Amino acid sequence: MKKTYKIEVDCANCARKMEEAAAKVEGVAAATVSFMTQKMNVEFAEGADVKSVMQNVVKACKKVESDCEVYL
């Protein structure tokens, strides 16, 4: 399953780092973050609990850029 989330990120480099962090979260098959569109696309692994996976994705992104926002 794929979902798109609105985000707020300050720079393209931070977006790249957030993308890498999100992709490492268990339950995420793939993740892309676009600085230009301020959107995050997440493809979830089969059988993953979307809500709990996204909570972990937000935590991982906050470690990269503490003032970023991911609108769930």
Protein backbone atom coordinates (compact mmCIF):
# COMPACT_ATOMS: atom_id res chain seq x y z
CA MET A 1 0.00 0.00 0.00
CA LYS A 2 1.22 3.50 -0.82
CA LYS A 3 0.24 6.72 0.92
CA THR A 4 1.17 10.37 0.44
CA TYR A 5 1.62 12.76 3.37
CA LYS A 6 1.99 16.52 3.43
CA ILE A 7 5.21 17.63 5.13
CA GLU A 8 7.08 20.79 6.02
CA VAL A 9 10.82 20.60 5.48
CA ASP A 10 13.28 23.51 5.22
CA CYS A 11 15.82 22.36 2.63
CA ALA A 12 16.45 19.76 -0.04
CA ASN A 13 19.34 18.21 1.89
CA CYS A 14 17.13 17.71 4.95
CA ALA A 15 14.47 16.15 2.72
CA ARG A 16 17.04 13.66 1.41
CA LYS A 17 18.13 12.78 4.95
CA MET A 18 14.49 12.37 6.03
CA GLU A 19 13.91 10.07 3.06
CA GLU A 20 16.87 7.90 4.08
CA ALA A 21 15.71 7.78 7.71
CA ALA A 22 12.13 6.89 6.75
CA ALA A 23 13.29 4.11 4.43
CA LYS A 24 15.12 2.42 7.33
CA VAL A 25 12.00 2.19 9.52
CA GLU A 26 10.65 -1.35 9.91
CA GLY A 27 7.47 -1.76 7.89
CA VAL A 28 8.51 0.72 5.18
CA ALA A 29 9.21 -0.84 1.78
CA ALA A 30 10.16 2.50 0.16
CA ALA A 31 9.98 6.21 0.92
CA THR A 32 10.49 9.37 -1.11
CA VAL A 33 10.49 12.94 0.16
CA SER A 34 10.06 15.87 -2.20
CA PHE A 35 11.28 19.26 -1.02
CA MET A 36 9.70 20.97 -4.05
CA THR A 37 6.19 19.61 -3.46
CA GLN A 38 6.52 19.26 0.34
CA LYS A 39 5.21 15.68 0.18
CA MET A 40 6.34 12.30 1.43
CA ASN A 41 5.35 9.11 -0.37
CA VAL A 42 5.55 5.95 1.70
CA GLU A 43 5.13 2.41 0.43
CA PHE A 44 4.38 0.03 3.28
CA ALA A 45 5.55 -3.56 3.56
CA GLU A 46 2.91 -6.27 3.25
CA GLY A 47 0.93 -6.60 6.50
CA ALA A 48 2.46 -3.52 8.14
CA ASP A 49 0.38 -1.51 10.63
CA VAL A 50 0.29 1.85 8.84
CA LYS A 51 -0.47 3.92 11.95
CA SER A 52 2.36 2.55 14.10
CA VAL A 53 4.83 2.54 11.19
CA MET A 54 4.08 6.21 10.49
CA GLN A 55 4.61 7.11 14.16
CA ASN A 56 8.09 5.58 13.86
CA VAL A 57 8.69 7.39 10.55
CA VAL A 58 7.83 10.72 12.22
CA LYS A 59 10.25 9.94 15.09
CA ALA A 60 13.01 9.08 12.60
CA CYS A 61 12.39 12.29 10.65
CA LYS A 62 12.40 14.41 13.82
CA LYS A 63 15.87 13.03 14.63
CA VAL A 64 17.07 14.40 11.28
CA GLU A 65 15.29 17.75 11.48
CA SER A 66 13.60 18.48 14.80
CA ASP A 67 11.32 21.21 13.44
CA CYS A 68 9.96 19.24 10.47
CA GLU A 69 6.27 18.40 10.32
CA VAL A 70 4.61 15.31 8.88
CA TYR A 71 0.83 15.61 8.67
CA LEU A 72 -0.73 12.18 9.27
